[in-house]
């Protein structure tokens, strides 16, 4: 009489291949690149100026200051925080902001990019800066671009205080 069943070699191969598949699938599940909202600073506007003395760029970031829900908020509480950084390009500016505020800056909620008049008059600056912004994956195509009506983009952003909706 013949025994019916799988030979031991086949059973071991099946078990080993299932184990390898499970070990390979587990790292692919979940949110490996998630960012906590508390550890992220969301910029809603960026101003770009040129320092006439040094020739470097000045990036002015306007970050949202989220209101805490369920608490009484101070009416004097500003809805935005403005930070200005000297940098050679937007990538260096974002790294400097990250070190300065201790949070990862995100441009995913960026609504406005403001350029100063001196940037628009400079040869090639505007094109290079716009290309840098295009290369950032977080910046949406709907982001508005404008030229500051004031002398600098920094003055323009510091003069704007947008109001946030409360739920």
Foldseek 3Di string as FASTA:
>chain_A
DDDDDDDPVVVVVVVVVVVVVVVVVVVVDDDPPDDDPVQEWEFAEWFWEADPPPRWIKIKTKTADDDDPPDDDDPVDFGIDIDIDTDRAVVVVQVVVCVVPVGRYAHLNHAEYEYEPVQVPDPPNVVVRVVVLVPDPSHDPNHYYYYDPDRGRNVVVVPDGDDDDDD
